[in-house]
């Protein structure tokens, strides 16, 4: 008589089913619907919703062109969405590069056994604290500090660094620089903790062997730490790119007027532009196409990071038989 066996594998599907149901309803379906909306005209016309009506690449063309009603002609490559994309990339680069470099330096410093820094826990907590504060609080705080009557602005004026009638919020460079600094200040501690965890996962015997061979801390970092840290560094680069290119909360609260990033849209990001299309003008087709463009830009940058950080096998030289 054949012995009856219990199949436990089916219970595993029950446990993972909630994740897939949530993913299908709240992630996959909205993603596919966004792709659909990007190819249709679906917007508010005189208080009534028009569409959805298929218009091909019309929404994507509207991103790179705008109608100049004074001359009744099309103006190309000088549009609000492209300007928002440019602003987003500039602010992300200004925050991303120093964030990665400083986080790598601090991670290597805190994990270097020869330094033996005292009170490492306190330093790590202090550096991670800005990540706990909400972005809205940071944006409001910095706005009050650097406003025309803010304490830092007044201090710089009393020191003669700024003119008495100078307003930081009316100039593009200080606004972009402050937003990039806020993003950097919020996230460098989180990136540092991630890199520290990656370095601590490297086998200590490799460093001990390197020290026996007389390798310096600099040689250990570039020859052992960086090559073995590539998977964690790859994760950090990609997630930083995704989060940085989608920045919304700080730019939308720091220096805005009627929902427009000041001065003169200089600090307006693509996420703010998507919100303007979707919730203000209710042009859902154009908002969806801008979202897809942001998705493509993020994908391209992520693929570049993957290509730069992937392991390359050394090319084998074939022996020449004479």
C-alpha atoms as a PDB file:
ATOM      1  CA  UNK A   1       0.000   0.000   0.000  1.00  0.00           C
ATOM      2  CA  UNK A   2       1.387   3.396  -1.036  1.00  0.00           C
ATOM      3  CA  UNK A   3       2.075   5.660   1.908  1.00  0.00           C
ATOM      4  CA  UNK A   4       0.180   8.958   1.780  1.00  0.00           C
ATOM      5  CA  UNK A   5       2.441  12.014   1.908  1.00  0.00           C
ATOM      6  CA  UNK A   6       1.543  15.562   2.883  1.00  0.00           C
ATOM      7  CA  UNK A   7       2.398  18.269   0.350  1.00  0.00           C
ATOM      8  CA  UNK A   8       3.553  21.341   2.238  1.00  0.00           C
ATOM      9  CA  UNK A   9       4.602  23.339  -0.826  1.00  0.00           C
ATOM     10  CA  UNK A  10       1.075  24.650  -1.417  1.00  0.00           C
ATOM     11  CA  UNK A  11       1.127  26.503   1.915  1.00  0.00           C
ATOM     12  CA  UNK A  12       4.047  28.583   0.668  1.00  0.00           C
ATOM     13  CA  UNK A  13       1.855  29.956  -2.117  1.00  0.00           C
ATOM     14  CA  UNK A  14      -0.740  31.015   0.458  1.00  0.00           C
ATOM     15  CA  UNK A  15       1.856  33.044   2.369  1.00  0.00           C
ATOM     16  CA  UNK A  16       3.196  34.834  -0.728  1.00  0.00           C
ATOM     17  CA  UNK A  17      -0.241  35.390  -2.299  1.00  0.00           C
ATOM     18  CA  UNK A  18      -0.964  38.685  -0.396  1.00  0.00           C
ATOM     19  CA  UNK A  19       2.190  40.281  -1.783  1.00  0.00           C
ATOM     20  CA  UNK A  20       1.324  39.419  -5.356  1.00  0.00           C
ATOM     21  CA  UNK A  21      -2.281  40.574  -4.937  1.00  0.00           C
ATOM     22  CA  UNK A  22      -1.151  43.931  -3.538  1.00  0.00           C
ATOM     23  CA  UNK A  23       1.485  44.222  -6.283  1.00  0.00           C
ATOM     24  CA  UNK A  24      -1.031  43.508  -9.055  1.00  0.00           C
ATOM     25  CA  UNK A  25      -3.649  45.943  -7.748  1.00  0.00           C
ATOM     26  CA  UNK A  26      -1.532  48.824  -6.457  1.00  0.00           C
ATOM     27  CA  UNK A  27       1.633  48.659  -8.607  1.00  0.00           C
ATOM     28  CA  UNK A  28       1.344  46.685 -11.821  1.00  0.00           C
ATOM     29  CA  UNK A  29      -2.104  47.921 -12.819  1.00  0.00           C
ATOM     30  CA  UNK A  30      -1.300  51.647 -12.171  1.00  0.00           C
ATOM     31  CA  UNK A  31       1.949  51.220 -14.115  1.00  0.00           C
ATOM     32  CA  UNK A  32       0.209  49.696 -17.136  1.00  0.00           C
ATOM     33  CA  UNK A  33      -2.589  52.277 -16.924  1.00  0.00           C
ATOM     34  CA  UNK A  34       0.005  55.073 -16.879  1.00  0.00           C
ATOM     35  CA  UNK A  35       1.506  53.693 -20.096  1.00  0.00           C
ATOM     36  CA  UNK A  36      -1.989  53.649 -21.595  1.00  0.00           C
ATOM     37  CA  UNK A  37      -2.750  57.233 -20.520  1.00  0.00           C
ATOM     38  CA  UNK A  38       0.518  58.487 -22.028  1.00  0.00           C
ATOM     39  CA  UNK A  39      -0.828  57.651 -25.519  1.00  0.00           C
ATOM     40  CA  UNK A  40      -4.287  59.203 -25.122  1.00  0.00           C
ATOM     41  CA  UNK A  41      -5.736  62.679 -24.731  1.00  0.00           C
ATOM     42  CA  UNK A  42      -7.538  62.750 -21.413  1.00  0.00           C
ATOM     43  CA  UNK A  43      -7.946  66.170 -19.823  1.00  0.00           C
ATOM     44  CA  UNK A  44     -10.297  68.749 -18.403  1.00  0.00           C
ATOM     45  CA  UNK A  45     -11.955  70.978 -21.029  1.00  0.00           C
ATOM     46  CA  UNK A  46     -14.165  73.748 -19.682  1.00  0.00           C
ATOM     47  CA  UNK A  47     -15.003  71.803 -16.541  1.00  0.00           C
ATOM     48  CA  UNK A  48     -15.746  68.529 -18.357  1.00  0.00           C
ATOM     49  CA  UNK A  49     -13.416  65.593 -18.832  1.00  0.00           C
ATOM     50  CA  UNK A  50     -12.527  64.914 -22.468  1.00  0.00           C
ATOM     51  CA  UNK A  51     -11.366  61.472 -23.533  1.00  0.00           C
ATOM     52  CA  UNK A  52      -9.625  59.173 -23.280  1.00  0.00           C
ATOM     53  CA  UNK A  53      -8.974  59.569 -27.009  1.00  0.00           C
ATOM     54  CA  UNK A  54      -5.945  57.983 -28.683  1.00  0.00           C
ATOM     55  CA  UNK A  55      -3.467  60.586 -29.958  1.00  0.00           C
ATOM     56  CA  UNK A  56      -0.296  58.508 -30.470  1.00  0.00           C
ATOM     57  CA  UNK A  57       2.877  60.353 -29.498  1.00  0.00           C
ATOM     58  CA  UNK A  58       1.097  63.684 -29.090  1.00  0.00           C
ATOM     59  CA  UNK A  59       1.673  63.862 -25.336  1.00  0.00           C
ATOM     60  CA  UNK A  60       5.369  63.081 -25.769  1.00  0.00           C
ATOM     61  CA  UNK A  61       5.684  65.751 -28.467  1.00  0.00           C
ATOM     62  CA  UNK A  62       4.081  68.263 -26.081  1.00  0.00           C
ATOM     63  CA  UNK A  63       6.974  67.653 -23.689  1.00  0.00           C
ATOM     64  CA  UNK A  64       9.538  68.930 -26.218  1.00  0.00           C
ATOM     65  CA  UNK A  65       7.377  71.621 -27.829  1.00  0.00           C
ATOM     66  CA  UNK A  66       4.998  74.349 -26.724  1.00  0.00           C
ATOM     67  CA  UNK A  67       2.688  76.653 -28.661  1.00  0.00           C
ATOM     68  CA  UNK A  68       3.705  80.304 -28.697  1.00  0.00           C
ATOM     69  CA  UNK A  69       0.362  82.067 -29.025  1.00  0.00           C
ATOM     70  CA  UNK A  70       1.965  85.466 -29.684  1.00  0.00           C
ATOM     71  CA  UNK A  71       3.532  84.253 -32.937  1.00  0.00           C
ATOM     72  CA  UNK A  72       1.156  81.293 -33.429  1.00  0.00           C
ATOM     73  CA  UNK A  73       4.125  78.950 -33.907  1.00  0.00           C
ATOM     74  CA  UNK A  74       5.716  76.002 -32.110  1.00  0.00           C
ATOM     75  CA  UNK A  75       8.649  76.546 -29.764  1.00  0.00           C
ATOM     76  CA  UNK A  76      10.886  73.479 -29.448  1.00  0.00           C
ATOM     77  CA  UNK A  77      13.218  72.347 -26.606  1.00  0.00           C
ATOM     78  CA  UNK A  78      12.210  75.322 -24.474  1.00  0.00           C
ATOM     79  CA  UNK A  79       9.323  73.874 -22.503  1.00  0.00           C
ATOM     80  CA  UNK A  80       8.363  73.611 -18.858  1.00  0.00           C
ATOM     81  CA  UNK A  81       8.792  69.793 -18.701  1.00  0.00           C
ATOM     82  CA  UNK A  82      12.279  69.884 -20.239  1.00  0.00           C
ATOM     83  CA  UNK A  83      13.237  72.739 -17.932  1.00  0.00           C
ATOM     84  CA  UNK A  84      11.961  70.691 -14.977  1.00  0.00           C
ATOM     85  CA  UNK A  85      13.987  67.652 -16.117  1.00  0.00           C
ATOM     86  CA  UNK A  86      17.115  69.822 -16.380  1.00  0.00           C
ATOM     87  CA  UNK A  87      16.530  71.278 -12.900  1.00  0.00           C
ATOM     88  CA  UNK A  88      15.990  67.799 -11.439  1.00  0.00           C
ATOM     89  CA  UNK A  89      19.205  66.410 -12.913  1.00  0.00           C
ATOM     90  CA  UNK A  90      21.248  69.433 -11.769  1.00  0.00           C
ATOM     91  CA  UNK A  91      19.956  69.268  -8.192  1.00  0.00           C
ATOM     92  CA  UNK A  92      20.377  65.483  -8.108  1.00  0.00           C
ATOM     93  CA  UNK A  93      24.009  65.623  -9.345  1.00  0.00           C
ATOM     94  CA  UNK A  94      24.887  68.417  -6.892  1.00  0.00           C
ATOM     95  CA  UNK A  95      23.534  66.281  -4.054  1.00  0.00           C
ATOM     96  CA  UNK A  96      24.466  62.810  -5.301  1.00  0.00           C
ATOM     97  CA  UNK A  97      28.208  63.163  -5.964  1.00  0.00           C
ATOM     98  CA  UNK A  98      29.211  64.677  -2.583  1.00  0.00           C
ATOM     99  CA  UNK A  99      26.806  62.286  -0.814  1.00  0.00           C
ATOM    100  CA  UNK A 100      28.461  59.169  -2.261  1.00  0.00           C
ATOM    101  CA  UNK A 101      32.015  60.476  -1.798  1.00  0.00           C
ATOM    102  CA  UNK A 102      31.516  61.598   1.819  1.00  0.00           C
ATOM    103  CA  UNK A 103      29.600  58.420   2.713  1.00  0.00           C
ATOM    104  CA  UNK A 104      32.379  56.251   1.284  1.00  0.00           C
ATOM    105  CA  UNK A 105      35.028  58.249   3.152  1.00  0.00           C
ATOM    106  CA  UNK A 106      33.162  58.042   6.478  1.00  0.00           C
ATOM    107  CA  UNK A 107      32.354  54.344   5.999  1.00  0.00           C
ATOM    108  CA  UNK A 108      36.029  53.563   5.345  1.00  0.00           C
ATOM    109  CA  UNK A 109      37.064  55.696   8.305  1.00  0.00           C
ATOM    110  CA  UNK A 110      34.638  54.106  10.772  1.00  0.00           C
ATOM    111  CA  UNK A 111      35.582  50.564   9.711  1.00  0.00           C
ATOM    112  CA  UNK A 112      39.361  51.121   9.650  1.00  0.00           C
ATOM    113  CA  UNK A 113      40.808  49.072  12.505  1.00  0.00           C
ATOM    114  CA  UNK A 114      43.991  51.142  12.599  1.00  0.00           C
ATOM    115  CA  UNK A 115      42.124  54.396  13.372  1.00  0.00           C
ATOM    116  CA  UNK A 116      40.291  53.060  16.469  1.00  0.00           C
ATOM    117  CA  UNK A 117      37.943  56.048  16.667  1.00  0.00           C
ATOM    118  CA  UNK A 118      36.274  56.404  20.070  1.00  0.00           C
ATOM    119  CA  UNK A 119      32.550  57.114  20.334  1.00  0.00           C
ATOM    120  CA  UNK A 120      31.728  55.769  16.887  1.00  0.00           C
ATOM    121  CA  UNK A 121      28.143  55.028  17.913  1.00  0.00           C
ATOM    122  CA  UNK A 122      27.485  58.653  18.850  1.00  0.00           C
ATOM    123  CA  UNK A 123      28.958  59.920  15.571  1.00  0.00           C
ATOM    124  CA  UNK A 124      26.848  57.486  13.544  1.00  0.00           C
ATOM    125  CA  UNK A 125      23.662  58.471  15.370  1.00  0.00           C
ATOM    126  CA  UNK A 126      24.339  62.193  14.866  1.00  0.00           C
ATOM    127  CA  UNK A 127      24.991  61.682  11.158  1.00  0.00           C
ATOM    128  CA  UNK A 128      21.876  59.554  10.718  1.00  0.00           C
ATOM    129  CA  UNK A 129      19.564  61.922  12.637  1.00  0.00           C
ATOM    130  CA  UNK A 130      18.709  64.195   9.647  1.00  0.00           C
ATOM    131  CA  UNK A 131      17.241  61.157   7.894  1.00  0.00           C
ATOM    132  CA  UNK A 132      14.702  60.777  10.711  1.00  0.00           C
ATOM    133  CA  UNK A 133      13.433  64.361  10.399  1.00  0.00           C
ATOM    134  CA  UNK A 134      10.636  64.761   7.869  1.00  0.00           C
ATOM    135  CA  UNK A 135      11.518  66.479   4.602  1.00  0.00           C
ATOM    136  CA  UNK A 136       8.751  69.050   5.068  1.00  0.00           C
ATOM    137  CA  UNK A 137      10.216  70.119   8.429  1.00  0.00           C
ATOM    138  CA  UNK A 138      13.682  70.508   6.899  1.00  0.00           C
ATOM    139  CA  UNK A 139      12.328  72.544   3.969  1.00  0.00           C
ATOM    140  CA  UNK A 140      10.403  74.922   6.257  1.00  0.00           C
ATOM    141  CA  UNK A 141      13.376  75.214   8.641  1.00  0.00           C
ATOM    142  CA  UNK A 142      15.849  76.124   5.898  1.00  0.00           C
ATOM    143  CA  UNK A 143      13.383  78.562   4.348  1.00  0.00           C
ATOM    144  CA  UNK A 144      13.087  80.405   7.665  1.00  0.00           C
ATOM    145  CA  UNK A 145      16.883  80.400   8.094  1.00  0.00           C
ATOM    146  CA  UNK A 146      17.676  81.731   4.616  1.00  0.00           C
ATOM    147  CA  UNK A 147      14.690  84.011   4.029  1.00  0.00           C
ATOM    148  CA  UNK A 148      15.407  87.705   3.460  1.00  0.00           C
ATOM    149  CA  UNK A 149      14.849  88.256   7.196  1.00  0.00           C
ATOM    150  CA  UNK A 150      16.229  84.872   8.263  1.00  0.00           C
ATOM    151  CA  UNK A 151      19.016  84.710  10.898  1.00  0.00           C
ATOM    152  CA  UNK A 152      21.656  83.265   8.542  1.00  0.00           C
ATOM    153  CA  UNK A 153      20.858  85.781   5.798  1.00  0.00           C
ATOM    154  CA  UNK A 154      21.003  88.684   8.272  1.00  0.00           C
ATOM    155  CA  UNK A 155      24.289  87.374   9.686  1.00  0.00           C
ATOM    156  CA  UNK A 156      25.831  87.223   6.200  1.00  0.00           C
ATOM    157  CA  UNK A 157      24.645  90.790   5.552  1.00  0.00           C
ATOM    158  CA  UNK A 158      26.132  92.063   8.824  1.00  0.00           C
ATOM    159  CA  UNK A 159      29.433  90.392   7.889  1.00  0.00           C
ATOM    160  CA  UNK A 160      29.405  92.210   4.546  1.00  0.00           C
ATOM    161  CA  UNK A 161      29.203  88.991   2.513  1.00  0.00           C
ATOM    162  CA  UNK A 162      25.757  89.865   1.101  1.00  0.00           C
ATOM    163  CA  UNK A 163      24.280  93.213   0.105  1.00  0.00           C
ATOM    164  CA  UNK A 164      21.561  94.622   2.361  1.00  0.00           C
ATOM    165  CA  UNK A 165      18.873  94.251  -0.325  1.00  0.00           C
ATOM    166  CA  UNK A 166      20.001  90.778  -1.451  1.00  0.00           C
ATOM    167  CA  UNK A 167      17.352  88.042  -1.281  1.00  0.00           C
ATOM    168  CA  UNK A 168      18.603  84.473  -1.692  1.00  0.00           C
ATOM    169  CA  UNK A 169      15.137  83.296  -2.685  1.00  0.00           C
ATOM    170  CA  UNK A 170      15.100  85.547  -5.748  1.00  0.00           C
ATOM    171  CA  UNK A 171      18.197  83.918  -7.279  1.00  0.00           C
ATOM    172  CA  UNK A 172      18.358  80.519  -8.949  1.00  0.00           C
ATOM    173  CA  UNK A 173      21.853  79.374  -7.899  1.00  0.00           C
ATOM    174  CA  UNK A 174      21.386  79.772  -4.097  1.00  0.00           C
ATOM    175  CA  UNK A 175      17.943  78.137  -4.268  1.00  0.00           C
ATOM    176  CA  UNK A 176      19.220  75.130  -6.230  1.00  0.00           C
ATOM    177  CA  UNK A 177      22.309  74.884  -4.004  1.00  0.00           C
ATOM    178  CA  UNK A 178      20.252  74.914  -0.801  1.00  0.00           C
ATOM    179  CA  UNK A 179      17.840  72.248  -2.109  1.00  0.00           C
ATOM    180  CA  UNK A 180      20.779  70.059  -3.138  1.00  0.00           C
ATOM    181  CA  UNK A 181      22.393  70.575   0.283  1.00  0.00           C
ATOM    182  CA  UNK A 182      19.174  69.623   2.090  1.00  0.00           C
ATOM    183  CA  UNK A 183      18.906  66.427   0.048  1.00  0.00           C
ATOM    184  CA  UNK A 184      22.570  65.682   0.747  1.00  0.00           C
ATOM    185  CA  UNK A 185      22.259  66.435   4.469  1.00  0.00           C
ATOM    186  CA  UNK A 186      19.186  64.220   4.818  1.00  0.00           C
ATOM    187  CA  UNK A 187      20.531  61.147   3.059  1.00  0.00           C
ATOM    188  CA  UNK A 188      24.316  60.927   3.480  1.00  0.00           C
ATOM    189  CA  UNK A 189      23.924  59.294   6.906  1.00  0.00           C
ATOM    190  CA  UNK A 190      21.637  56.599   5.527  1.00  0.00           C
ATOM    191  CA  UNK A 191      24.055  55.924   2.647  1.00  0.00           C
ATOM    192  CA  UNK A 192      26.977  55.791   5.092  1.00  0.00           C
ATOM    193  CA  UNK A 193      25.230  53.177   7.277  1.00  0.00           C
ATOM    194  CA  UNK A 194      24.500  51.028   4.210  1.00  0.00           C
ATOM    195  CA  UNK A 195      28.128  51.167   3.064  1.00  0.00           C
ATOM    196  CA  UNK A 196      29.394  50.419   6.584  1.00  0.00           C
ATOM    197  CA  UNK A 197      27.206  47.299   6.653  1.00  0.00           C
ATOM    198  CA  UNK A 198      28.680  46.256   3.301  1.00  0.00           C
ATOM    199  CA  UNK A 199      32.271  46.777   4.458  1.00  0.00           C
ATOM    200  CA  UNK A 200      31.683  44.843   7.689  1.00  0.00           C
ATOM    201  CA  UNK A 201      30.465  41.926   5.573  1.00  0.00           C
ATOM    202  CA  UNK A 202      33.892  41.561   3.953  1.00  0.00           C
ATOM    203  CA  UNK A 203      36.012  38.750   5.376  1.00  0.00           C
ATOM    204  CA  UNK A 204      38.425  40.293   7.963  1.00  0.00           C
ATOM    205  CA  UNK A 205      41.114  37.725   7.098  1.00  0.00           C
ATOM    206  CA  UNK A 206      41.632  39.537   3.779  1.00  0.00           C
ATOM    207  CA  UNK A 207      42.608  42.723   5.632  1.00  0.00           C
ATOM    208  CA  UNK A 208      44.787  40.775   8.065  1.00  0.00           C
ATOM    209  CA  UNK A 209      46.657  39.150   5.183  1.00  0.00           C
ATOM    210  CA  UNK A 210      47.063  42.547   3.501  1.00  0.00           C
ATOM    211  CA  UNK A 211      48.444  44.068   6.718  1.00  0.00           C
ATOM    212  CA  UNK A 212      50.925  41.202   7.055  1.00  0.00           C
ATOM    213  CA  UNK A 213      52.089  41.944   3.506  1.00  0.00           C
ATOM    214  CA  UNK A 214      52.587  45.604   4.461  1.00  0.00           C
ATOM    215  CA  UNK A 215      49.607  47.120   2.610  1.00  0.00           C
ATOM    216  CA  UNK A 216      48.621  50.620   3.721  1.00  0.00           C
ATOM    217  CA  UNK A 217      45.050  51.668   4.555  1.00  0.00           C
ATOM    218  CA  UNK A 218      44.794  53.365   1.170  1.00  0.00           C
ATOM    219  CA  UNK A 219      45.900  50.212  -0.655  1.00  0.00           C
ATOM    220  CA  UNK A 220      43.489  48.076   1.375  1.00  0.00           C
ATOM    221  CA  UNK A 221      40.612  50.424   0.503  1.00  0.00           C
ATOM    222  CA  UNK A 222      41.247  50.465  -3.250  1.00  0.00           C
ATOM    223  CA  UNK A 223      42.391  46.855  -3.660  1.00  0.00           C
ATOM    224  CA  UNK A 224      40.073  45.049  -1.220  1.00  0.00           C
ATOM    225  CA  UNK A 225      37.202  47.246   0.002  1.00  0.00           C
ATOM    226  CA  UNK A 226      36.083  48.879  -3.244  1.00  0.00           C
ATOM    227  CA  UNK A 227      36.142  45.723  -5.430  1.00  0.00           C
ATOM    228  CA  UNK A 228      34.278  43.622  -2.842  1.00  0.00           C
ATOM    229  CA  UNK A 229      31.871  46.468  -2.057  1.00  0.00           C
ATOM    230  CA  UNK A 230      30.593  46.657  -5.654  1.00  0.00           C
ATOM    231  CA  UNK A 231      27.240  44.893  -5.046  1.00  0.00           C
ATOM    232  CA  UNK A 232      26.361  47.203  -2.116  1.00  0.00           C
ATOM    233  CA  UNK A 233      27.707  50.232  -3.986  1.00  0.00           C
ATOM    234  CA  UNK A 234      25.617  49.258  -7.008  1.00  0.00           C
ATOM    235  CA  UNK A 235      22.505  49.067  -4.829  1.00  0.00           C
ATOM    236  CA  UNK A 236      23.316  52.446  -3.259  1.00  0.00           C
ATOM    237  CA  UNK A 237      23.911  54.169  -6.590  1.00  0.00           C
ATOM    238  CA  UNK A 238      20.693  52.881  -8.152  1.00  0.00           C
ATOM    239  CA  UNK A 239      18.450  53.612  -5.157  1.00  0.00           C
ATOM    240  CA  UNK A 240      19.995  57.086  -4.780  1.00  0.00           C
ATOM    241  CA  UNK A 241      19.315  57.774  -8.448  1.00  0.00           C
ATOM    242  CA  UNK A 242      15.709  56.606  -8.181  1.00  0.00           C
ATOM    243  CA  UNK A 243      15.026  58.631  -5.054  1.00  0.00           C
ATOM    244  CA  UNK A 244      16.934  61.712  -6.199  1.00  0.00           C
ATOM    245  CA  UNK A 245      15.270  61.964  -9.614  1.00  0.00           C
ATOM    246  CA  UNK A 246      11.859  61.695  -7.960  1.00  0.00           C
ATOM    247  CA  UNK A 247      12.543  64.491  -5.441  1.00  0.00           C
ATOM    248  CA  UNK A 248       9.358  66.362  -4.691  1.00  0.00           C
ATOM    249  CA  UNK A 249       8.776  67.219  -1.043  1.00  0.00           C
ATOM    250  CA  UNK A 250      11.697  69.578  -0.356  1.00  0.00           C
ATOM    251  CA  UNK A 251      11.559  71.550  -3.675  1.00  0.00           C
ATOM    252  CA  UNK A 252       7.757  71.847  -3.452  1.00  0.00           C
ATOM    253  CA  UNK A 253       7.900  73.361   0.060  1.00  0.00           C
ATOM    254  CA  UNK A 254      11.129  75.351   0.097  1.00  0.00           C
ATOM    255  CA  UNK A 255      10.769  78.276  -2.322  1.00  0.00           C
ATOM    256  CA  UNK A 256       7.418  78.124  -4.096  1.00  0.00           C
ATOM    257  CA  UNK A 257       4.774  80.589  -5.193  1.00  0.00           C
ATOM    258  CA  UNK A 258       1.335  79.282  -6.186  1.00  0.00           C
ATOM    259  CA  UNK A 259       2.795  75.797  -6.481  1.00  0.00           C
ATOM    260  CA  UNK A 260       5.563  76.926  -8.876  1.00  0.00           C
ATOM    261  CA  UNK A 261       9.188  76.437  -7.901  1.00  0.00           C
ATOM    262  CA  UNK A 262      10.932  79.762  -7.622  1.00  0.00           C
ATOM    263  CA  UNK A 263      12.505  81.856  -8.747  1.00  0.00           C
ATOM    264  CA  UNK A 264      10.881  81.676 -12.194  1.00  0.00           C
ATOM    265  CA  UNK A 265      10.587  77.833 -12.088  1.00  0.00           C
ATOM    266  CA  UNK A 266      14.337  77.449 -11.469  1.00  0.00           C
ATOM    267  CA  UNK A 267      13.757  74.916  -8.675  1.00  0.00           C
ATOM    268  CA  UNK A 268      10.820  73.101 -10.264  1.00  0.00           C
ATOM    269  CA  UNK A 269      11.378  69.357 -10.594  1.00  0.00           C
ATOM    270  CA  UNK A 270       9.759  66.907 -13.000  1.00  0.00           C
ATOM    271  CA  UNK A 271       7.744  65.417 -10.109  1.00  0.00           C
ATOM    272  CA  UNK A 272       6.320  68.892  -9.400  1.00  0.00           C
ATOM    273  CA  UNK A 273       5.520  69.253 -13.092  1.00  0.00           C
ATOM    274  CA  UNK A 274       3.694  65.913 -13.075  1.00  0.00           C
ATOM    275  CA  UNK A 275       1.666  67.065 -10.068  1.00  0.00           C
ATOM    276  CA  UNK A 276       0.789  70.309 -11.862  1.00  0.00           C
ATOM    277  CA  UNK A 277      -0.459  68.415 -14.931  1.00  0.00           C
ATOM    278  CA  UNK A 278      -2.315  65.764 -12.950  1.00  0.00           C
ATOM    279  CA  UNK A 279      -3.917  67.711 -10.083  1.00  0.00           C
ATOM    280  CA  UNK A 280      -4.022  71.356 -11.196  1.00  0.00           C
ATOM    281  CA  UNK A 281      -4.665  71.421 -14.954  1.00  0.00           C
ATOM    282  CA  UNK A 282      -6.031  67.840 -14.912  1.00  0.00           C
ATOM    283  CA  UNK A 283      -4.249  66.867 -18.109  1.00  0.00           C
ATOM    284  CA  UNK A 284      -3.813  63.216 -17.225  1.00  0.00           C
ATOM    285  CA  UNK A 285      -2.377  62.204 -20.585  1.00  0.00           C
ATOM    286  CA  UNK A 286       0.440  64.742 -20.366  1.00  0.00           C
ATOM    287  CA  UNK A 287       1.099  63.864 -16.704  1.00  0.00           C
ATOM    288  CA  UNK A 288       1.371  60.193 -17.657  1.00  0.00           C
ATOM    289  CA  UNK A 289       3.778  60.915 -20.525  1.00  0.00           C
ATOM    290  CA  UNK A 290       5.982  63.019 -18.212  1.00  0.00           C
ATOM    291  CA  UNK A 291       5.977  60.110 -15.736  1.00  0.00           C
ATOM    292  CA  UNK A 292       7.084  57.697 -18.466  1.00  0.00           C
ATOM    293  CA  UNK A 293       9.878  60.080 -19.514  1.00  0.00           C
ATOM    294  CA  UNK A 294      11.057  60.207 -15.890  1.00  0.00           C
ATOM    295  CA  UNK A 295      10.910  56.398 -15.780  1.00  0.00           C
ATOM    296  CA  UNK A 296      13.033  56.131 -18.956  1.00  0.00           C
ATOM    297  CA  UNK A 297      15.631  58.619 -17.650  1.00  0.00           C
ATOM    298  CA  UNK A 298      15.862  56.731 -14.347  1.00  0.00           C
ATOM    299  CA  UNK A 299      16.188  53.420 -16.197  1.00  0.00           C
ATOM    300  CA  UNK A 300      18.994  54.737 -18.412  1.00  0.00           C
ATOM    301  CA  UNK A 301      20.958  56.131 -15.447  1.00  0.00           C
ATOM    302  CA  UNK A 302      20.451  52.875 -13.508  1.00  0.00           C
ATOM    303  CA  UNK A 303      21.707  50.821 -16.463  1.00  0.00           C
ATOM    304  CA  UNK A 304      24.775  53.073 -16.701  1.00  0.00           C
ATOM    305  CA  UNK A 305      25.491  52.460 -13.006  1.00  0.00           C
ATOM    306  CA  UNK A 306      25.057  48.718 -13.489  1.00  0.00           C
ATOM    307  CA  UNK A 307      27.481  48.809 -16.418  1.00  0.00           C
ATOM    308  CA  UNK A 308      30.070  50.827 -14.480  1.00  0.00           C
ATOM    309  CA  UNK A 309      29.958  48.649 -11.361  1.00  0.00           C
ATOM    310  CA  UNK A 310      29.584  45.164 -12.818  1.00  0.00           C
ATOM    311  CA  UNK A 311      32.426  42.687 -12.402  1.00  0.00           C
ATOM    312  CA  UNK A 312      34.567  42.308 -15.488  1.00  0.00           C
ATOM    313  CA  UNK A 313      36.441  39.102 -16.052  1.00  0.00           C
ATOM    314  CA  UNK A 314      40.008  39.639 -17.286  1.00  0.00           C
ATOM    315  CA  UNK A 315      40.490  38.765 -20.908  1.00  0.00           C
ATOM    316  CA  UNK A 316      42.494  35.606 -21.329  1.00  0.00           C
ATOM    317  CA  UNK A 317      45.415  35.857 -23.659  1.00  0.00           C
ATOM    318  CA  UNK A 318      45.613  32.956 -26.052  1.00  0.00           C
ATOM    319  CA  UNK A 319      49.001  31.394 -26.480  1.00  0.00           C
ATOM    320  CA  UNK A 320      50.452  31.744 -29.938  1.00  0.00           C
ATOM    321  CA  UNK A 321      51.532  28.393 -31.284  1.00  0.00           C
ATOM    322  CA  UNK A 322      54.495  28.670 -33.619  1.00  0.00           C
END
